[in-house]
Amino acid sequence: MAKQNDRILIVDDSWDNLRVLQVFLAGEGYQVEVANSGESVLAQAEAFSPDVMLLDLMMPGLDGSQVIQRIRQYPVLDALHSKTD
């Protein structure tokens, strides 16, 4: 069972996917935030400090692989970086 402070950031360009995952995970007790593009995820990750990020790899613009590269280069997200290895 999720603790109330467990946070998940979901990143996907499909609003349908985001909504299904958000409803399911929130129903399991997780705090959930969503981002619909790779471009917006860094600011949201910094503000939300997720424990886990569910990341779509195939998105237009900044794709999931590029998001991971940026997280690894972004000092404020160092704790998240260690979780991606």
Protein backbone atom coordinates (compact mmCIF):
# COMPACT_ATOMS: atom_id res chain seq x y z
CA MET A 1 0.00 0.00 0.00
CA ALA A 2 1.24 3.49 -0.84
CA LYS A 3 2.23 5.96 1.79
CA GLN A 4 0.62 9.36 1.51
CA ASN A 5 3.96 10.98 0.74
CA ASP A 6 4.89 8.63 -2.14
CA ARG A 7 4.94 10.81 -5.26
CA ILE A 8 4.76 9.77 -8.89
CA LEU A 9 5.25 12.06 -11.88
CA ILE A 10 3.70 10.69 -15.08
CA VAL A 11 4.97 12.05 -18.40
CA ASP A 12 3.09 11.15 -21.58
CA ASP A 13 1.86 13.04 -24.63
CA SER A 14 -1.45 11.14 -24.55
CA TRP A 15 -4.03 12.72 -22.25
CA ASP A 16 -5.94 9.42 -22.16
CA ASN A 17 -2.89 7.56 -20.84
CA LEU A 18 -2.20 10.29 -18.29
CA ARG A 19 -5.76 10.27 -16.99
CA VAL A 20 -6.00 6.46 -16.66
CA LEU A 21 -2.69 6.23 -14.81
CA GLN A 22 -3.47 9.26 -12.64
CA VAL A 23 -6.86 7.92 -11.54
CA PHE A 24 -5.52 4.42 -10.87
CA LEU A 25 -2.43 5.51 -8.92
CA ALA A 26 -4.27 8.18 -6.92
CA GLY A 27 -6.83 5.52 -6.02
CA GLU A 28 -3.95 3.43 -4.66
CA GLY A 29 -2.93 6.31 -2.39
CA TYR A 30 -0.11 7.92 -4.35
CA GLN A 31 0.31 11.65 -4.87
CA VAL A 32 0.30 12.02 -8.65
CA GLU A 33 1.31 14.85 -10.96
CA VAL A 34 1.22 14.72 -14.75
CA ALA A 35 3.15 16.36 -17.55
CA ASN A 36 2.15 16.11 -21.19
CA SER A 37 5.50 16.98 -22.76
CA GLY A 38 9.18 16.48 -22.23
CA GLU A 39 9.68 20.23 -22.29
CA SER A 40 7.58 20.79 -19.17
CA VAL A 41 8.85 17.90 -17.08
CA LEU A 42 12.02 19.43 -15.59
CA ALA A 43 10.23 22.30 -13.89
CA GLN A 44 7.51 19.96 -12.64
CA ALA A 45 10.05 17.43 -11.37
CA GLU A 46 11.89 20.17 -9.49
CA ALA A 47 8.69 21.54 -7.92
CA PHE A 48 7.08 18.16 -7.16
CA SER A 49 10.21 16.12 -6.20
CA PRO A 50 8.79 12.78 -7.34
CA ASP A 51 9.94 9.48 -5.91
CA VAL A 52 9.21 7.82 -9.24
CA MET A 53 8.74 9.09 -12.78
CA LEU A 54 6.77 7.13 -15.37
CA LEU A 55 8.14 8.44 -18.64
CA ASP A 56 6.89 7.86 -22.17
CA LEU A 57 9.95 7.40 -24.39
CA MET A 58 8.21 8.22 -27.66
CA MET A 59 6.95 11.81 -27.51
CA PRO A 60 7.14 14.63 -30.05
CA GLY A 61 9.67 17.34 -29.32
CA LEU A 62 11.76 16.36 -26.33
CA ASP A 63 11.42 12.57 -26.10
CA GLY A 64 11.86 10.40 -23.03
CA SER A 65 15.53 9.59 -23.71
CA GLN A 66 16.32 13.29 -24.00
CA VAL A 67 14.42 13.97 -20.75
CA ILE A 68 16.59 11.39 -18.97
CA GLN A 69 19.75 13.02 -20.35
CA ARG A 70 18.62 16.43 -19.11
CA ILE A 71 17.73 15.09 -15.67
CA ARG A 72 21.24 13.67 -15.40
CA GLN A 73 22.69 17.11 -16.23
CA TYR A 74 20.36 19.11 -13.96
CA PRO A 75 21.96 19.55 -10.51
CA VAL A 76 18.70 20.34 -8.68
CA LEU A 77 17.34 16.95 -9.71
CA ASP A 78 20.39 15.05 -8.46
CA ALA A 79 18.28 12.79 -6.20
CA LEU A 80 16.03 11.87 -9.14
CA HIS A 81 19.14 11.27 -11.24
CA SER A 82 20.34 8.61 -8.83
CA LYS A 83 16.99 6.81 -9.19
CA THR A 84 17.33 6.57 -13.00
CA ASP A 85 20.55 4.56 -12.90
